[in-house]
Amino acid sequence: MTKVDDLYNKLEKVEQNMLHTTFHSNADETEFTINTYQDCEPILEENKAAYNNYGDLLTPGKTGEGVRVASIPLNVWEQWKKDTNGEIEKDHNLMKKYLNDPDNKYFRTTPTRV
C-alpha cells in the first residue's frame, strides 16, 4: 500500500455529514490535492420550507431561546470559521451579523432577525 492509498483510506473514514472528499496526486506522489464539497441543495430546500411555514410571531414557541433560526451547511460553516479565524464560534454578535446578512438568507429558517 502506497502513502497515497493510506492517506486516501484515512480520508474516506473522515467523510461524514454529506461531505464528499476527492483526493488526487501526481504520478510520483510528490504533490497532492484534496477537495471537499457538499451538496447543499437538501439543506437549502429544508430551510426554505421551514422559512415559508414559519407562521406568525405570536404562535407559541416562536420566540426566546432554543428556537432554530438557521441551518448552515458544514462546508459553509468551515469557510466562515476560516474567514474569521475561528472567532465566529466565540462571538455571538459576529454570528448574528453573518446570519442577518442578506447574502446568507438561504441559511435562515425564520423570517425574523437574529
PDB file of N, CA and C in Angstrom:
ATOM      1  N   MET A   1       0.857  -1.180   0.000  1.00  0.00           N
ATOM      2  CA  MET A   1       0.000   0.000   0.000  1.00  0.00           C
ATOM      3  C   MET A   1       0.903   1.243   0.000  1.00  0.00           C
ATOM      4  N   THR A   2       0.620   2.157  -0.921  1.00  0.00           N
ATOM      5  CA  THR A   2       1.421   3.376  -1.028  1.00  0.00           C
ATOM      6  C   THR A   2       0.957   4.415  -0.020  1.00  0.00           C
ATOM      7  N   LYS A   3       1.739   5.449   0.125  1.00  0.00           N
ATOM      8  CA  LYS A   3       1.360   6.559   1.009  1.00  0.00           C
ATOM      9  C   LYS A   3       0.038   7.176   0.560  1.00  0.00           C
ATOM     10  N   VAL A   4      -0.146   7.256  -0.742  1.00  0.00           N
ATOM     11  CA  VAL A   4      -1.367   7.842  -1.291  1.00  0.00           C
ATOM     12  C   VAL A   4      -2.570   6.996  -0.894  1.00  0.00           C
ATOM     13  N   ASP A   5      -2.465   5.672  -1.051  1.00  0.00           N
ATOM     14  CA  ASP A   5      -3.570   4.785  -0.685  1.00  0.00           C
ATOM     15  C   ASP A   5      -3.898   4.898   0.795  1.00  0.00           C
ATOM     16  N   ASP A   6      -2.851   4.943   1.621  1.00  0.00           N
ATOM     17  CA  ASP A   6      -3.063   5.045   3.065  1.00  0.00           C
ATOM     18  C   ASP A   6      -3.780   6.346   3.422  1.00  0.00           C
ATOM     19  N   LEU A   7      -3.338   7.448   2.836  1.00  0.00           N
ATOM     20  CA  LEU A   7      -3.972   8.741   3.101  1.00  0.00           C
ATOM     21  C   LEU A   7      -5.402   8.758   2.586  1.00  0.00           C
ATOM     22  N   TYR A   8      -5.621   8.188   1.429  1.00  0.00           N
ATOM     23  CA  TYR A   8      -6.973   8.144   0.867  1.00  0.00           C
ATOM     24  C   TYR A   8      -7.905   7.337   1.760  1.00  0.00           C
ATOM     25  N   ASN A   9      -7.452   6.221   2.285  1.00  0.00           N
ATOM     26  CA  ASN A   9      -8.273   5.404   3.183  1.00  0.00           C
ATOM     27  C   ASN A   9      -8.637   6.172   4.452  1.00  0.00           C
ATOM     28  N   LYS A  10      -7.707   6.937   4.969  1.00  0.00           N
ATOM     29  CA  LYS A  10      -7.991   7.746   6.156  1.00  0.00           C
ATOM     30  C   LYS A  10      -9.034   8.820   5.843  1.00  0.00           C
ATOM     31  N   LEU A  11      -8.939   9.423   4.679  1.00  0.00           N
ATOM     32  CA  LEU A  11      -9.899  10.453   4.284  1.00  0.00           C
ATOM     33  C   LEU A  11     -11.297   9.871   4.145  1.00  0.00           C
ATOM     34  N   GLU A  12     -11.409   8.672   3.612  1.00  0.00           N
ATOM     35  CA  GLU A  12     -12.724   8.052   3.466  1.00  0.00           C
ATOM     36  C   GLU A  12     -13.394   7.842   4.818  1.00  0.00           C
ATOM     37  N   LYS A  13     -12.630   7.541   5.852  1.00  0.00           N
ATOM     38  CA  LYS A  13     -13.187   7.324   7.186  1.00  0.00           C
ATOM     39  C   LYS A  13     -13.674   8.635   7.799  1.00  0.00           C
ATOM     40  N   VAL A  14     -13.035   9.730   7.447  1.00  0.00           N
ATOM     41  CA  VAL A  14     -13.402  11.037   7.989  1.00  0.00           C
ATOM     42  C   VAL A  14     -14.668  11.566   7.323  1.00  0.00           C
ATOM     43  N   GLU A  15     -14.901  11.122   6.103  1.00  0.00           N
ATOM     44  CA  GLU A  15     -16.025  11.613   5.317  1.00  0.00           C
ATOM     45  C   GLU A  15     -17.346  11.344   6.035  1.00  0.00           C
ATOM     46  N   GLN A  16     -18.075  12.396   6.344  1.00  0.00           N
ATOM     47  CA  GLN A  16     -19.349  12.279   7.034  1.00  0.00           C
ATOM     48  C   GLN A  16     -20.182  13.523   6.765  1.00  0.00           C
ATOM     49  N   ASN A  17     -21.413  13.479   7.218  1.00  0.00           N
ATOM     50  CA  ASN A  17     -22.276  14.654   7.153  1.00  0.00           C
ATOM     51  C   ASN A  17     -22.453  15.184   5.733  1.00  0.00           C
ATOM     52  N   MET A  18     -22.584  14.262   4.780  1.00  0.00           N
ATOM     53  CA  MET A  18     -22.794  14.605   3.377  1.00  0.00           C
ATOM     54  C   MET A  18     -21.594  15.309   2.742  1.00  0.00           C
ATOM     55  N   LEU A  19     -20.455  15.294   3.380  1.00  0.00           N
ATOM     56  CA  LEU A  19     -19.264  15.857   2.763  1.00  0.00           C
ATOM     57  C   LEU A  19     -18.646  14.807   1.856  1.00  0.00           C
ATOM     58  N   HIS A  20     -18.161  15.234   0.728  1.00  0.00           N
ATOM     59  CA  HIS A  20     -17.508  14.340  -0.216  1.00  0.00           C
ATOM     60  C   HIS A  20     -16.090  14.848  -0.423  1.00  0.00           C
ATOM     61  N   THR A  21     -15.144  13.948  -0.331  1.00  0.00           N
ATOM     62  CA  THR A  21     -13.749  14.325  -0.460  1.00  0.00           C
ATOM     63  C   THR A  21     -13.136  13.596  -1.643  1.00  0.00           C
ATOM     64  N   THR A  22     -12.444  14.336  -2.473  1.00  0.00           N
ATOM     65  CA  THR A  22     -11.701  13.722  -3.564  1.00  0.00           C
ATOM     66  C   THR A  22     -10.224  13.972  -3.323  1.00  0.00           C
ATOM     67  N   PHE A  23      -9.441  13.003  -3.686  1.00  0.00           N
ATOM     68  CA  PHE A  23      -8.004  13.042  -3.451  1.00  0.00           C
ATOM     69  C   PHE A  23      -7.302  12.764  -4.771  1.00  0.00           C
ATOM     70  N   HIS A  24      -6.367  13.625  -5.127  1.00  0.00           N
ATOM     71  CA  HIS A  24      -5.629  13.475  -6.375  1.00  0.00           C
ATOM     72  C   HIS A  24      -4.143  13.651  -6.082  1.00  0.00           C
ATOM     73  N   SER A  25      -3.333  12.913  -6.804  1.00  0.00           N
ATOM     74  CA  SER A  25      -1.881  13.100  -6.691  1.00  0.00           C
ATOM     75  C   SER A  25      -1.271  12.996  -8.073  1.00  0.00           C
ATOM     76  N   ASN A  26      -0.053  13.536  -8.191  1.00  0.00           N
ATOM     77  CA  ASN A  26       0.649  13.390  -9.456  1.00  0.00           C
ATOM     78  C   ASN A  26       1.273  11.988  -9.512  1.00  0.00           C
ATOM     79  N   ALA A  27       1.857  11.639 -10.635  1.00  0.00           N
ATOM     80  CA  ALA A  27       2.356  10.279 -10.861  1.00  0.00           C
ATOM     81  C   ALA A  27       3.416   9.849  -9.848  1.00  0.00           C
ATOM     82  N   ASP A  28       4.272  10.759  -9.437  1.00  0.00           N
ATOM     83  CA  ASP A  28       5.335  10.362  -8.496  1.00  0.00           C
ATOM     84  C   ASP A  28       4.970  10.636  -7.033  1.00  0.00           C
ATOM     85  N   GLU A  29       3.722  10.973  -6.791  1.00  0.00           N
ATOM     86  CA  GLU A  29       3.183  11.169  -5.437  1.00  0.00           C
ATOM     87  C   GLU A  29       3.928  12.231  -4.627  1.00  0.00           C
ATOM     88  N   THR A  30       4.337  13.296  -5.299  1.00  0.00           N
ATOM     89  CA  THR A  30       5.011  14.385  -4.597  1.00  0.00           C
ATOM     90  C   THR A  30       4.089  15.585  -4.389  1.00  0.00           C
ATOM     91  N   GLU A  31       2.982  15.612  -5.118  1.00  0.00           N
ATOM     92  CA  GLU A  31       2.018  16.691  -4.971  1.00  0.00           C
ATOM     93  C   GLU A  31       0.625  16.095  -4.810  1.00  0.00           C
ATOM     94  N   PHE A  32      -0.156  16.698  -3.903  1.00  0.00           N
ATOM     95  CA  PHE A  32      -1.487  16.197  -3.604  1.00  0.00           C
ATOM     96  C   PHE A  32      -2.504  17.330  -3.649  1.00  0.00           C
ATOM     97  N   THR A  33      -3.715  16.990  -4.020  1.00  0.00           N
ATOM     98  CA  THR A  33      -4.827  17.929  -3.956  1.00  0.00           C
ATOM     99  C   THR A  33      -5.986  17.218  -3.276  1.00  0.00           C
ATOM    100  N   ILE A  34      -6.545  17.856  -2.261  1.00  0.00           N
ATOM    101  CA  ILE A  34      -7.702  17.311  -1.566  1.00  0.00           C
ATOM    102  C   ILE A  34      -8.835  18.316  -1.721  1.00  0.00           C
ATOM    103  N   ASN A  35      -9.932  17.889  -2.292  1.00  0.00           N
ATOM    104  CA  ASN A  35     -11.108  18.739  -2.466  1.00  0.00           C
ATOM    105  C   ASN A  35     -12.242  18.183  -1.620  1.00  0.00           C
ATOM    106  N   THR A  36     -12.906  19.053  -0.892  1.00  0.00           N
ATOM    107  CA  THR A  36     -14.072  18.661  -0.114  1.00  0.00           C
ATOM    108  C   THR A  36     -15.251  19.485  -0.599  1.00  0.00           C
ATOM    109  N   TYR A  37     -16.342  18.801  -0.893  1.00  0.00           N
ATOM    110  CA  TYR A  37     -17.537  19.505  -1.351  1.00  0.00           C
ATOM    111  C   TYR A  37     -18.768  18.882  -0.707  1.00  0.00           C
ATOM    112  N   GLN A  38     -19.851  19.601  -0.766  1.00  0.00           N
ATOM    113  CA  GLN A  38     -21.090  19.163  -0.140  1.00  0.00           C
ATOM    114  C   GLN A  38     -22.262  19.576  -1.013  1.00  0.00           C
ATOM    115  N   ASP A  39     -23.212  18.685  -1.185  1.00  0.00           N
ATOM    116  CA  ASP A  39     -24.445  19.023  -1.883  1.00  0.00           C
ATOM    117  C   ASP A  39     -25.334  19.753  -0.879  1.00  0.00           C
ATOM    118  N   CYS A  40     -25.436  21.056  -1.032  1.00  0.00           N
ATOM    119  CA  CYS A  40     -26.186  21.882  -0.088  1.00  0.00           C
ATOM    120  C   CYS A  40     -27.670  21.969  -0.418  1.00  0.00           C
ATOM    121  N   GLU A  41     -28.056  21.485  -1.573  1.00  0.00           N
ATOM    122  CA  GLU A  41     -29.443  21.619  -2.024  1.00  0.00           C
ATOM    123  C   GLU A  41     -30.459  21.077  -1.016  1.00  0.00           C
ATOM    124  N   PRO A  42     -30.273  19.873  -0.442  1.00  0.00           N
ATOM    125  CA  PRO A  42     -31.267  19.390   0.529  1.00  0.00           C
ATOM    126  C   PRO A  42     -31.400  20.298   1.757  1.00  0.00           C
ATOM    127  N   ILE A  43     -30.303  20.839   2.225  1.00  0.00           N
ATOM    128  CA  ILE A  43     -30.328  21.731   3.388  1.00  0.00           C
ATOM    129  C   ILE A  43     -31.056  23.024   3.030  1.00  0.00           C
ATOM    130  N   LEU A  44     -30.750  23.574   1.859  1.00  0.00           N
ATOM    131  CA  LEU A  44     -31.392  24.821   1.440  1.00  0.00           C
ATOM    132  C   LEU A  44     -32.887  24.629   1.208  1.00  0.00           C
ATOM    133  N   GLU A  45     -33.283  23.494   0.668  1.00  0.00           N
ATOM    134  CA  GLU A  45     -34.707  23.211   0.461  1.00  0.00           C
ATOM    135  C   GLU A  45     -35.439  23.080   1.798  1.00  0.00           C
ATOM    136  N   GLU A  46     -34.810  22.409   2.755  1.00  0.00           N
ATOM    137  CA  GLU A  46     -35.407  22.276   4.093  1.00  0.00           C
ATOM    138  C   GLU A  46     -35.524  23.642   4.767  1.00  0.00           C
ATOM    139  N   ASN A  47     -34.493  24.469   4.625  1.00  0.00           N
ATOM    140  CA  ASN A  47     -34.529  25.819   5.189  1.00  0.00           C
ATOM    141  C   ASN A  47     -35.662  26.636   4.577  1.00  0.00           C
ATOM    142  N   LYS A  48     -35.809  26.533   3.262  1.00  0.00           N
ATOM    143  CA  LYS A  48     -36.862  27.281   2.555  1.00  0.00           C
ATOM    144  C   LYS A  48     -38.247  26.858   3.042  1.00  0.00           C
ATOM    145  N   ALA A  49     -38.443  25.557   3.197  1.00  0.00           N
ATOM    146  CA  ALA A  49     -39.743  25.061   3.670  1.00  0.00           C
ATOM    147  C   ALA A  49     -40.023  25.554   5.088  1.00  0.00           C
ATOM    148  N   ALA A  50     -39.027  25.486   5.970  1.00  0.00           N
ATOM    149  CA  ALA A  50     -39.210  25.956   7.347  1.00  0.00           C
ATOM    150  C   ALA A  50     -39.492  27.456   7.370  1.00  0.00           C
ATOM    151  N   TYR A  51     -38.784  28.205   6.552  1.00  0.00           N
ATOM    152  CA  TYR A  51     -38.969  29.652   6.461  1.00  0.00           C
ATOM    153  C   TYR A  51     -40.395  29.987   6.011  1.00  0.00           C
ATOM    154  N   ASN A  52     -40.846  29.300   4.966  1.00  0.00           N
ATOM    155  CA  ASN A  52     -42.178  29.563   4.419  1.00  0.00           C
ATOM    156  C   ASN A  52     -43.304  29.090   5.330  1.00  0.00           C
ATOM    157  N   ASN A  53     -43.043  28.095   6.181  1.00  0.00           N
ATOM    158  CA  ASN A  53     -44.056  27.555   7.088  1.00  0.00           C
ATOM    159  C   ASN A  53     -43.967  28.147   8.490  1.00  0.00           C
ATOM    160  N   TYR A  54     -43.206  29.200   8.629  1.00  0.00           N
ATOM    161  CA  TYR A  54     -42.952  29.763   9.953  1.00  0.00           C
ATOM    162  C   TYR A  54     -44.219  30.252  10.643  1.00  0.00           C
ATOM    163  N   GLY A  55     -45.141  30.831   9.905  1.00  0.00           N
ATOM    164  CA  GLY A  55     -46.352  31.382  10.521  1.00  0.00           C
ATOM    165  C   GLY A  55     -46.088  32.765  11.079  1.00  0.00           C
ATOM    166  N   ASP A  56     -46.886  33.162  12.070  1.00  0.00           N
ATOM    167  CA  ASP A  56     -46.689  34.498  12.645  1.00  0.00           C
ATOM    168  C   ASP A  56     -45.920  34.411  13.959  1.00  0.00           C
ATOM    169  N   LEU A  57     -45.463  35.555  14.420  1.00  0.00           N
ATOM    170  CA  LEU A  57     -44.626  35.610  15.618  1.00  0.00           C
ATOM    171  C   LEU A  57     -45.374  35.324  16.910  1.00  0.00           C
ATOM    172  N   LEU A  58     -46.698  35.358  16.866  1.00  0.00           N
ATOM    173  CA  LEU A  58     -47.484  35.149  18.079  1.00  0.00           C
ATOM    174  C   LEU A  58     -47.714  33.669  18.401  1.00  0.00           C
ATOM    175  N   THR A  59     -47.359  32.807  17.466  1.00  0.00           N
ATOM    176  CA  THR A  59     -47.518  31.367  17.700  1.00  0.00           C
ATOM    177  C   THR A  59     -46.568  30.945  18.818  1.00  0.00           C
ATOM    178  N   PRO A  60     -47.055  30.203  19.818  1.00  0.00           N
ATOM    179  CA  PRO A  60     -46.174  29.762  20.908  1.00  0.00           C
ATOM    180  C   PRO A  60     -44.962  28.989  20.378  1.00  0.00           C
ATOM    181  N   GLY A  61     -43.819  29.217  21.023  1.00  0.00           N
ATOM    182  CA  GLY A  61     -42.588  28.533  20.644  1.00  0.00           C
ATOM    183  C   GLY A  61     -41.803  29.217  19.545  1.00  0.00           C
ATOM    184  N   LYS A  62     -42.229  30.388  19.112  1.00  0.00           N
ATOM    185  CA  LYS A  62     -41.559  31.072  18.009  1.00  0.00           C
ATOM    186  C   LYS A  62     -40.520  32.088  18.475  1.00  0.00           C
ATOM    187  N   THR A  63     -40.496  32.378  19.764  1.00  0.00           N
ATOM    188  CA  THR A  63     -39.542  33.360  20.264  1.00  0.00           C
ATOM    189  C   THR A  63     -38.805  32.787  21.464  1.00  0.00           C
ATOM    190  N   GLY A  64     -37.752  33.460  21.855  1.00  0.00           N
ATOM    191  CA  GLY A  64     -36.994  33.048  23.036  1.00  0.00           C
ATOM    192  C   GLY A  64     -35.794  32.182  22.674  1.00  0.00           C
ATOM    193  N   GLU A  65     -35.233  31.556  23.679  1.00  0.00           N
ATOM    194  CA  GLU A  65     -34.052  30.721  23.473  1.00  0.00           C
ATOM    195  C   GLU A  65     -34.453  29.353  22.954  1.00  0.00           C
ATOM    196  N   GLY A  66     -33.561  28.727  22.220  1.00  0.00           N
ATOM    197  CA  GLY A  66     -33.799  27.384  21.738  1.00  0.00           C
ATOM    198  C   GLY A  66     -34.630  27.291  20.479  1.00  0.00           C
ATOM    199  N   VAL A  67     -34.822  28.401  19.787  1.00  0.00           N
ATOM    200  CA  VAL A  67     -35.570  28.396  18.533  1.00  0.00           C
ATOM    201  C   VAL A  67     -34.567  28.293  17.389  1.00  0.00           C
ATOM    202  N   ARG A  68     -34.765  27.333  16.510  1.00  0.00           N
ATOM    203  CA  ARG A  68     -33.849  27.159  15.368  1.00  0.00           C
ATOM    204  C   ARG A  68     -34.079  28.288  14.374  1.00  0.00           C
ATOM    205  N   VAL A  69     -33.034  29.046  14.088  1.00  0.00           N
ATOM    206  CA  VAL A  69     -33.148  30.174  13.175  1.00  0.00           C
ATOM    207  C   VAL A  69     -32.394  29.952  11.873  1.00  0.00           C
ATOM    208  N   ALA A  70     -31.555  28.922  11.819  1.00  0.00           N
ATOM    209  CA  ALA A  70     -30.763  28.680  10.611  1.00  0.00           C
ATOM    210  C   ALA A  70     -30.242  27.252  10.608  1.00  0.00           C
ATOM    211  N   SER A  71     -29.907  26.805   9.422  1.00  0.00           N
ATOM    212  CA  SER A  71     -29.215  25.538   9.234  1.00  0.00           C
ATOM    213  C   SER A  71     -28.123  25.811   8.212  1.00  0.00           C
ATOM    214  N   ILE A  72     -26.888  25.703   8.636  1.00  0.00           N
ATOM    215  CA  ILE A  72     -25.749  26.093   7.812  1.00  0.00           C
ATOM    216  C   ILE A  72     -25.028  24.833   7.342  1.00  0.00           C
ATOM    217  N   PRO A  73     -24.844  24.664   6.045  1.00  0.00           N
ATOM    218  CA  PRO A  73     -24.084  23.514   5.558  1.00  0.00           C
ATOM    219  C   PRO A  73     -22.670  23.510   6.151  1.00  0.00           C
ATOM    220  N   LEU A  74     -22.167  22.326   6.415  1.00  0.00           N
ATOM    221  CA  LEU A  74     -20.879  22.199   7.088  1.00  0.00           C
ATOM    222  C   LEU A  74     -19.744  22.852   6.314  1.00  0.00           C
ATOM    223  N   ASN A  75     -19.765  22.732   4.992  1.00  0.00           N
ATOM    224  CA  ASN A  75     -18.681  23.349   4.226  1.00  0.00           C
ATOM    225  C   ASN A  75     -18.731  24.875   4.311  1.00  0.00           C
ATOM    226  N   VAL A  76     -19.926  25.448   4.417  1.00  0.00           N
ATOM    227  CA  VAL A  76     -20.060  26.904   4.580  1.00  0.00           C
ATOM    228  C   VAL A  76     -19.570  27.301   5.968  1.00  0.00           C
ATOM    229  N   TRP A  77     -19.969  26.525   6.986  1.00  0.00           N
ATOM    230  CA  TRP A  77     -19.539  26.803   8.361  1.00  0.00           C
ATOM    231  C   TRP A  77     -18.015  26.774   8.455  1.00  0.00           C
ATOM    232  N   GLU A  78     -17.386  25.793   7.837  1.00  0.00           N
ATOM    233  CA  GLU A  78     -15.920  25.711   7.850  1.00  0.00           C
ATOM    234  C   GLU A  78     -15.298  26.932   7.181  1.00  0.00           C
ATOM    235  N   GLN A  79     -15.911  27.405   6.095  1.00  0.00           N
ATOM    236  CA  GLN A  79     -15.391  28.598   5.418  1.00  0.00           C
ATOM    237  C   GLN A  79     -15.548  29.836   6.297  1.00  0.00           C
ATOM    238  N   TRP A  80     -16.691  29.950   6.983  1.00  0.00           N
ATOM    239  CA  TRP A  80     -16.889  31.088   7.888  1.00  0.00           C
ATOM    240  C   TRP A  80     -15.856  31.061   9.008  1.00  0.00           C
ATOM    241  N   LYS A  81     -15.582  29.888   9.544  1.00  0.00           N
ATOM    242  CA  LYS A  81     -14.566  29.785  10.601  1.00  0.00           C
ATOM    243  C   LYS A  81     -13.199  30.196  10.069  1.00  0.00           C
ATOM    244  N   LYS A  82     -12.896  29.772   8.850  1.00  0.00           N
ATOM    245  CA  LYS A  82     -11.614  30.140   8.240  1.00  0.00           C
ATOM    246  C   LYS A  82     -11.541  31.649   8.007  1.00  0.00           C
ATOM    247  N   ASP A  83     -12.626  32.229   7.491  1.00  0.00           N
ATOM    248  CA  ASP A  83     -12.656  33.664   7.194  1.00  0.00           C
ATOM    249  C   ASP A  83     -12.508  34.523   8.446  1.00  0.00           C
ATOM    250  N   THR A  84     -12.975  34.013   9.595  1.00  0.00           N
ATOM    251  CA  THR A  84     -12.956  34.797  10.835  1.00  0.00           C
ATOM    252  C   THR A  84     -11.903  34.297  11.834  1.00  0.00           C
ATOM    253  N   ASN A  85     -11.026  33.429  11.371  1.00  0.00           N
ATOM    254  CA  ASN A  85     -10.005  32.836  12.247  1.00  0.00           C
ATOM    255  C   ASN A  85     -10.632  32.182  13.477  1.00  0.00           C
ATOM    256  N   GLY A  86     -11.797  31.582  13.304  1.00  0.00           N
ATOM    257  CA  GLY A  86     -12.470  30.873  14.387  1.00  0.00           C
ATOM    258  C   GLY A  86     -13.280  31.745  15.320  1.00  0.00           C
ATOM    259  N   GLU A  87     -13.254  33.052  15.124  1.00  0.00           N
ATOM    260  CA  GLU A  87     -13.955  33.971  16.027  1.00  0.00           C
ATOM    261  C   GLU A  87     -15.471  33.787  15.990  1.00  0.00           C
ATOM    262  N   ILE A  88     -15.993  33.319  14.864  1.00  0.00           N
ATOM    263  CA  ILE A  88     -17.440  33.172  14.739  1.00  0.00           C
ATOM    264  C   ILE A  88     -17.990  32.155  15.737  1.00  0.00           C
ATOM    265  N   GLU A  89     -17.144  31.228  16.184  1.00  0.00           N
ATOM    266  CA  GLU A  89     -17.574  30.238  17.175  1.00  0.00           C
ATOM    267  C   GLU A  89     -17.738  30.854  18.566  1.00  0.00           C
ATOM    268  N   LYS A  90     -17.003  31.929  18.833  1.00  0.00           N
ATOM    269  CA  LYS A  90     -16.996  32.539  20.168  1.00  0.00           C
ATOM    270  C   LYS A  90     -17.796  33.831  20.245  1.00  0.00           C
ATOM    271  N   ASP A  91     -17.895  34.519  19.149  1.00  0.00           N
ATOM    272  CA  ASP A  91     -18.503  35.857  19.128  1.00  0.00           C
ATOM    273  C   ASP A  91     -19.933  35.780  18.597  1.00  0.00           C
ATOM    274  N   HIS A  92     -20.907  35.837  19.494  1.00  0.00           N
ATOM    275  CA  HIS A  92     -22.313  35.728  19.108  1.00  0.00           C
ATOM    276  C   HIS A  92     -22.748  36.877  18.210  1.00  0.00           C
ATOM    277  N   ASN A  93     -22.190  38.052  18.417  1.00  0.00           N
ATOM    278  CA  ASN A  93     -22.555  39.188  17.566  1.00  0.00           C
ATOM    279  C   ASN A  93     -22.056  38.998  16.136  1.00  0.00           C
ATOM    280  N   LEU A  94     -20.885  38.387  15.995  1.00  0.00           N
ATOM    281  CA  LEU A  94     -20.364  38.096  14.658  1.00  0.00           C
ATOM    282  C   LEU A  94     -21.254  37.059  13.967  1.00  0.00           C
ATOM    283  N   MET A  95     -21.694  36.059  14.711  1.00  0.00           N
ATOM    284  CA  MET A  95     -22.600  35.056  14.154  1.00  0.00           C
ATOM    285  C   MET A  95     -23.912  35.706  13.714  1.00  0.00           C
ATOM    286  N   LYS A  96     -24.433  36.602  14.536  1.00  0.00           N
ATOM    287  CA  LYS A  96     -25.657  37.318  14.183  1.00  0.00           C
ATOM    288  C   LYS A  96     -25.460  38.123  12.895  1.00  0.00           C
ATOM    289  N   LYS A  97     -24.307  38.762  12.797  1.00  0.00           N
ATOM    290  CA  LYS A  97     -24.007  39.564  11.605  1.00  0.00           C
ATOM    291  C   LYS A  97     -24.039  38.683  10.352  1.00  0.00           C
ATOM    292  N   TYR A  98     -23.414  37.527  10.429  1.00  0.00           N
ATOM    293  CA  TYR A  98     -23.408  36.615   9.285  1.00  0.00           C
ATOM    294  C   TYR A  98     -24.819  36.112   8.974  1.00  0.00           C
ATOM    295  N   LEU A  99     -25.585  35.738  10.001  1.00  0.00           N
ATOM    296  CA  LEU A  99     -26.923  35.199   9.777  1.00  0.00           C
ATOM    297  C   LEU A  99     -27.908  36.253   9.280  1.00  0.00           C
ATOM    298  N   ASN A 100     -27.725  37.512   9.683  1.00  0.00           N
ATOM    299  CA  ASN A 100     -28.612  38.589   9.252  1.00  0.00           C
ATOM    300  C   ASN A 100     -28.210  39.192   7.913  1.00  0.00           C
ATOM    301  N   ASP A 101     -27.044  38.796   7.397  1.00  0.00           N
ATOM    302  CA  ASP A 101     -26.578  39.289   6.106  1.00  0.00           C
ATOM    303  C   ASP A 101     -27.512  38.773   5.002  1.00  0.00           C
ATOM    304  N   PRO A 102     -28.045  39.669   4.158  1.00  0.00           N
ATOM    305  CA  PRO A 102     -28.946  39.233   3.086  1.00  0.00           C
ATOM    306  C   PRO A 102     -28.332  38.174   2.161  1.00  0.00           C
ATOM    307  N   ASP A 103     -27.014  38.180   2.009  1.00  0.00           N
ATOM    308  CA  ASP A 103     -26.359  37.182   1.170  1.00  0.00           C
ATOM    309  C   ASP A 103     -26.491  35.769   1.749  1.00  0.00           C
ATOM    310  N   ASN A 104     -26.762  35.668   3.042  1.00  0.00           N
ATOM    311  CA  ASN A 104     -26.865  34.375   3.707  1.00  0.00           C
ATOM    312  C   ASN A 104     -28.310  34.001   4.046  1.00  0.00           C
ATOM    313  N   LYS A 105     -29.263  34.660   3.417  1.00  0.00           N
ATOM    314  CA  LYS A 105     -30.673  34.441   3.764  1.00  0.00           C
ATOM    315  C   LYS A 105     -31.137  33.012   3.518  1.00  0.00           C
ATOM    316  N   TYR A 106     -30.487  32.285   2.631  1.00  0.00           N
ATOM    317  CA  TYR A 106     -30.912  30.916   2.329  1.00  0.00           C
ATOM    318  C   TYR A 106     -30.570  29.926   3.442  1.00  0.00           C
ATOM    319  N   PHE A 107     -29.772  30.362   4.397  1.00  0.00           N
ATOM    320  CA  PHE A 107     -29.466  29.511   5.549  1.00  0.00           C
ATOM    321  C   PHE A 107     -30.480  29.705   6.678  1.00  0.00           C
ATOM    322  N   ARG A 108     -31.290  30.745   6.577  1.00  0.00           N
ATOM    323  CA  ARG A 108     -32.259  31.075   7.621  1.00  0.00           C
ATOM    324  C   ARG A 108     -33.488  30.192   7.539  1.00  0.00           C
ATOM    325  N   THR A 109     -34.046  29.872   8.699  1.00  0.00           N
ATOM    326  CA  THR A 109     -35.275  29.074   8.765  1.00  0.00           C
ATOM    327  C   THR A 109     -36.419  29.890   9.325  1.00  0.00           C
ATOM    328  N   THR A 110     -36.173  31.154   9.657  1.00  0.00           N
ATOM    329  CA  THR A 110     -37.208  32.051  10.152  1.00  0.00           C
ATOM    330  C   THR A 110     -37.062  33.417   9.491  1.00  0.00           C
ATOM    331  N   PRO A 111     -38.153  34.159   9.343  1.00  0.00           N
ATOM    332  CA  PRO A 111     -38.086  35.478   8.735  1.00  0.00           C
ATOM    333  C   PRO A 111     -37.652  36.569   9.727  1.00  0.00           C
ATOM    334  N   THR A 112     -37.379  36.208  10.955  1.00  0.00           N
ATOM    335  CA  THR A 112     -37.003  37.197  11.967  1.00  0.00           C
ATOM    336  C   THR A 112     -35.513  37.489  11.933  1.00  0.00           C
ATOM    337  N   ARG A 113     -35.125  38.614  12.528  1.00  0.00           N
ATOM    338  CA  ARG A 113     -33.699  38.914  12.669  1.00  0.00           C
ATOM    339  C   ARG A 113     -33.178  38.216  13.908  1.00  0.00           C
ATOM    340  N   VAL A 114     -31.930  37.825  13.842  1.00  0.00           N
ATOM    341  CA  VAL A 114     -31.302  37.165  14.985  1.00  0.00           C
ATOM    342  C   VAL A 114     -30.785  38.230  15.918  1.00  0.00           C
TER     343      VAL A 114
END
